[in-house]
C-alpha cells in the first residue's frame, strides 16, 4: 500500500467499510457555495470483474474573482467523496482523483490522449482539439490557462514505496475511497469563462487483466 502523506487526514465519514484516504485543506469562509450533482458508473472488465465508482456529497465554494497583476484569478474550494467497489478476482485498486479545468472550452465532453504528461484534450466549439502539455497542478496551486486550453488539478499528492511523487491512492480489499474537504485551486490568465468537472480514474489489476475505468463528474462554471 502506498505511503500516504497529506496536510491533514480526515475521517472517512459516509464511507463505512472502505479503505479511505482523506484530504483536507485549511481556509476561510467562501463567498458563495453550491452542491454539484453526484455521478455513478459501473463497468465490467474483459475478465468479468465489476468496477463501480461513486462520486457523491460534492460541492463547490466560490471566492470572489480577484485581480492579481492585471490577471483575472478565479478561486474555488471543492469537497466530495469517492467510493470504489470491485468484485471478482480483484483485490483492491488505485484511485486518482482531480478536476479537469478549461478556459473558454466546454469540459462537458473531453477525452484523454497520449501527447504527454498532464495533457487534457477538449473539443472546442469549432470541433478542433486544443491540448496543453504540462498544464497540471496539485490542489492549493494556481493553474494558468489561456483561451481554448484545459488542464488538470490533482487532489492527491503523496509518495509511493520508492518515495516517488504520485497523484493516486492504493487500497486493498473490495472497497476503497477518497474523502476531500475544502480543497482549493485557482485559475489565472483566463480572460473568458471557465469550467471544471471532477475526474476519477481507477486502475484495477486482477492478475489476468489490468483495467482502467474513468468517471467524469458534472461540469460546473467557475465564472
Protein backbone atom coordinates (compact mmCIF):
# COMPACT_ATOMS: atom_id res chain seq x y z
CA UNK A 1 0.00 0.00 0.00
CA UNK A 2 1.22 3.50 -0.79
CA UNK A 3 2.67 5.61 1.99
CA UNK A 4 0.20 8.45 2.47
CA UNK A 5 1.42 12.00 3.07
CA UNK A 6 -1.18 14.77 3.24
CA UNK A 7 -1.61 18.07 5.01
CA UNK A 8 -4.38 16.63 7.16
CA UNK A 9 -6.06 13.23 7.24
CA UNK A 10 -9.83 13.29 7.59
CA UNK A 11 -12.10 10.51 8.83
CA UNK A 12 -13.98 8.53 6.20
CA UNK A 13 -17.45 9.74 7.08
CA UNK A 14 -20.04 8.11 4.85
CA UNK A 15 -17.55 5.52 3.59
CA UNK A 16 -18.04 2.84 6.21
CA UNK A 17 -16.30 -0.40 5.37
CA UNK A 18 -14.00 1.16 2.79
CA UNK A 19 -10.29 1.84 2.98
CA UNK A 20 -10.26 5.63 2.88
CA UNK A 21 -7.78 8.36 2.18
CA UNK A 22 -8.95 11.76 3.45
CA UNK A 23 -7.59 15.04 2.13
CA UNK A 24 -8.42 18.30 3.86
CA UNK A 25 -7.26 21.86 3.35
CA UNK A 26 -7.48 24.90 5.61
CA UNK A 27 -9.26 28.08 4.56
CA UNK A 28 -11.60 30.90 5.48
CA UNK A 29 -15.26 31.26 4.61
CA UNK A 30 -16.04 31.41 0.89
CA UNK A 31 -18.27 33.98 -0.76
CA UNK A 32 -20.78 31.53 -2.26
CA UNK A 33 -21.39 27.80 -2.17
CA UNK A 34 -23.44 25.26 -4.03
CA UNK A 35 -23.88 21.50 -4.44
CA UNK A 36 -22.77 19.60 -7.54
CA UNK A 37 -24.78 16.57 -8.66
CA UNK A 38 -23.24 13.19 -7.98
CA UNK A 39 -22.27 10.60 -10.58
CA UNK A 40 -22.07 6.79 -10.58
CA UNK A 41 -20.56 4.49 -13.18
CA UNK A 42 -20.27 0.69 -13.31
CA UNK A 43 -18.05 -1.11 -15.81
CA UNK A 44 -17.11 -4.75 -16.30
CA UNK A 45 -13.54 -5.61 -17.26
CA UNK A 46 -12.87 -8.13 -20.03
CA UNK A 47 -12.39 -10.94 -17.48
CA UNK A 48 -15.78 -10.23 -15.89
CA UNK A 49 -14.52 -8.14 -12.93
CA UNK A 50 -17.06 -5.45 -11.97
CA UNK A 51 -15.81 -1.97 -11.05
CA UNK A 52 -18.17 0.62 -9.57
CA UNK A 53 -17.22 4.26 -8.94
CA UNK A 54 -19.45 6.64 -6.97
CA UNK A 55 -18.87 10.41 -6.65
CA UNK A 56 -21.18 11.98 -4.08
CA UNK A 57 -21.57 14.76 -1.48
CA UNK A 58 -19.81 17.03 -3.95
CA UNK A 59 -19.92 20.81 -3.52
CA UNK A 60 -18.04 23.91 -4.62
CA UNK A 61 -17.42 27.16 -2.76
CA UNK A 62 -16.70 30.22 -4.85
CA UNK A 63 -14.42 33.04 -3.88
CA UNK A 64 -14.98 36.41 -5.49
CA UNK A 65 -12.92 36.91 -8.64
CA UNK A 66 -9.81 38.91 -7.88
CA UNK A 67 -7.23 40.70 -9.96
CA UNK A 68 -3.57 39.81 -9.43
CA UNK A 69 -1.07 41.71 -11.60
CA UNK A 70 -3.88 42.60 -14.02
CA UNK A 71 -4.86 38.95 -14.47
CA UNK A 72 -8.32 37.73 -13.54
CA UNK A 73 -7.98 34.95 -10.96
CA UNK A 74 -10.83 32.61 -10.03
CA UNK A 75 -10.54 30.64 -6.80
CA UNK A 76 -12.76 27.73 -5.74
CA UNK A 77 -12.84 25.23 -2.89
CA UNK A 78 -14.19 21.76 -3.66
CA UNK A 79 -15.44 18.99 -1.39
CA UNK A 80 -16.69 15.49 -2.08
CA UNK A 81 -16.40 11.75 -1.55
CA UNK A 82 -15.40 8.91 -3.86
CA UNK A 83 -16.28 5.26 -3.22
CA UNK A 84 -14.88 2.44 -5.37
CA UNK A 85 -16.20 -1.12 -5.20
CA UNK A 86 -14.51 -4.01 -7.01
CA UNK A 87 -15.51 -7.64 -7.31
CA UNK A 88 -14.41 -10.86 -8.94
CA UNK A 89 -10.70 -11.63 -8.58
CA UNK A 90 -9.76 -8.02 -7.85
CA UNK A 91 -8.10 -7.40 -4.50
CA UNK A 92 -8.06 -3.62 -4.42
CA UNK A 93 -7.15 -0.90 -6.85
CA UNK A 94 -5.64 2.54 -7.31
CA UNK A 95 -7.64 5.79 -7.25
CA UNK A 96 -6.55 9.06 -8.87
CA UNK A 97 -8.93 11.97 -8.28
CA UNK A 98 -8.87 15.53 -9.53
CA UNK A 99 -10.61 18.17 -11.62
CA UNK A 100 -10.40 18.98 -15.31
CA UNK A 101 -10.40 22.76 -15.75
CA UNK A 102 -10.99 24.55 -19.05
CA UNK A 103 -10.77 28.15 -20.21
CA UNK A 104 -13.34 29.11 -22.85
CA UNK A 105 -13.94 25.44 -23.68
CA UNK A 106 -16.77 23.11 -22.78
CA UNK A 107 -15.43 20.47 -20.42
CA UNK A 108 -18.69 18.56 -20.64
CA UNK A 109 -17.16 16.42 -23.39
CA UNK A 110 -13.48 15.58 -23.16
CA UNK A 111 -11.02 12.84 -23.97
CA UNK A 112 -7.51 11.92 -22.91
CA UNK A 113 -4.71 11.38 -25.35
CA UNK A 114 -1.12 10.27 -25.20
CA UNK A 115 0.52 13.56 -26.17
CA UNK A 116 2.32 13.86 -22.85
CA UNK A 117 2.01 14.08 -19.08
CA UNK A 118 -0.75 16.32 -17.85
CA UNK A 119 -2.44 16.73 -21.23
CA UNK A 120 -6.20 17.04 -21.36
CA UNK A 121 -7.78 17.26 -24.82
CA UNK A 122 -11.06 19.16 -25.00
CA UNK A 123 -13.04 19.73 -28.20
CA UNK A 124 -13.70 23.43 -28.83
CA UNK A 125 -16.88 24.81 -30.36
CA UNK A 126 -15.24 24.54 -33.80
CA UNK A 127 -14.59 20.84 -33.27
CA UNK A 128 -10.82 21.17 -33.11
CA UNK A 129 -8.74 19.77 -30.23
CA UNK A 130 -6.53 22.04 -28.16
CA UNK A 131 -4.10 20.40 -25.79
CA UNK A 132 -1.96 21.96 -23.10
CA UNK A 133 1.14 19.85 -22.35
CA UNK A 134 2.15 20.02 -18.71
CA UNK A 135 -0.93 22.00 -17.67
CA UNK A 136 -1.47 20.34 -14.33
CA UNK A 137 -1.15 21.26 -10.68
CA UNK A 138 -1.82 19.90 -7.22
CA UNK A 139 -4.61 21.24 -5.02
CA UNK A 140 -3.71 24.56 -3.45
CA UNK A 141 -1.87 25.77 -6.53
CA UNK A 142 -2.79 28.07 -9.41
CA UNK A 143 -3.38 26.70 -12.91
CA UNK A 144 -2.51 29.17 -15.67
CA UNK A 145 -4.76 28.69 -18.71
CA UNK A 146 -5.27 30.73 -21.85
CA UNK A 147 -8.39 30.70 -24.07
CA UNK A 148 -9.07 27.26 -25.50
CA UNK A 149 -6.80 25.47 -23.04
CA UNK A 150 -7.54 22.80 -20.43
CA UNK A 151 -5.56 21.29 -17.57
CA UNK A 152 -5.86 19.07 -14.52
CA UNK A 153 -5.75 19.78 -10.79
CA UNK A 154 -4.92 16.67 -8.72
CA UNK A 155 -6.36 16.28 -5.22
CA UNK A 156 -3.99 13.56 -4.03
CA UNK A 157 -0.32 14.36 -3.56
CA UNK A 158 1.61 11.56 -1.92
CA UNK A 159 4.64 9.28 -2.35
CA UNK A 160 4.88 5.60 -3.19
CA UNK A 161 7.09 2.93 -1.60
CA UNK A 162 10.07 4.28 -3.55
CA UNK A 163 9.43 7.84 -2.29
CA UNK A 164 8.43 8.94 -5.79
CA UNK A 165 5.71 11.58 -6.05
CA UNK A 166 2.34 10.20 -7.19
CA UNK A 167 -1.20 11.52 -7.53
CA UNK A 168 -3.08 8.37 -6.56
CA UNK A 169 -4.03 6.20 -3.59
CA UNK A 170 -3.85 2.40 -3.48
CA UNK A 171 -6.36 0.39 -1.43
CA UNK A 172 -6.76 -3.33 -0.72
CA UNK A 173 -9.95 -5.34 -0.39
CA UNK A 174 -13.26 -4.87 -2.14
CA UNK A 175 -13.79 -1.16 -1.33
CA UNK A 176 -11.70 1.99 -1.23
CA UNK A 177 -12.41 5.66 -1.20
CA UNK A 178 -11.22 9.24 -1.06
CA UNK A 179 -12.85 11.99 1.02
CA UNK A 180 -11.75 15.58 0.42
CA UNK A 181 -12.92 18.80 2.06
CA UNK A 182 -12.34 22.42 1.05
CA UNK A 183 -9.51 21.60 -1.35
CA UNK A 184 -8.69 24.79 -3.21
CA UNK A 185 -7.31 25.71 -6.62
CA UNK A 186 -7.04 28.87 -8.69
CA UNK A 187 -7.32 29.56 -12.40
CA UNK A 188 -5.33 32.51 -13.72
CA UNK A 189 -4.76 34.20 -17.10
CA UNK A 190 -8.20 33.10 -18.34
CA UNK A 191 -9.99 36.18 -19.61
CA UNK A 192 -13.15 34.34 -20.67
CA UNK A 193 -15.46 31.90 -18.93
CA UNK A 194 -14.02 28.88 -17.13
CA UNK A 195 -15.48 25.47 -16.28
CA UNK A 196 -14.42 22.45 -14.26
CA UNK A 197 -15.56 18.90 -13.60
CA UNK A 198 -14.34 16.04 -11.43
CA UNK A 199 -12.29 13.20 -12.88
CA UNK A 200 -11.77 9.90 -11.04
CA UNK A 201 -9.54 7.26 -12.64
CA UNK A 202 -9.47 3.78 -11.11
CA UNK A 203 -6.90 1.16 -12.07
CA UNK A 204 -7.61 -2.48 -11.21
CA UNK A 205 -5.19 -5.38 -11.71
CA UNK A 206 -6.73 -8.84 -11.32
CA UNK A 207 -3.64 -10.80 -12.34
CA UNK A 208 -5.19 -11.74 -15.67
CA UNK A 209 -6.10 -8.23 -16.81
CA UNK A 210 -5.28 -4.64 -15.93
CA UNK A 211 -8.22 -2.33 -16.47
CA UNK A 212 -8.77 1.42 -16.16
CA UNK A 213 -12.22 2.88 -15.51
CA UNK A 214 -12.72 6.66 -15.56
CA UNK A 215 -15.63 8.61 -14.13
CA UNK A 216 -16.31 12.22 -15.12
CA UNK A 217 -18.44 14.38 -12.84
CA UNK A 218 -20.99 17.00 -13.81
CA UNK A 219 -19.39 20.21 -15.14
CA UNK A 220 -19.84 23.49 -13.27
CA UNK A 221 -18.96 27.08 -14.06
CA UNK A 222 -16.06 28.93 -12.47
CA UNK A 223 -17.40 32.23 -13.80
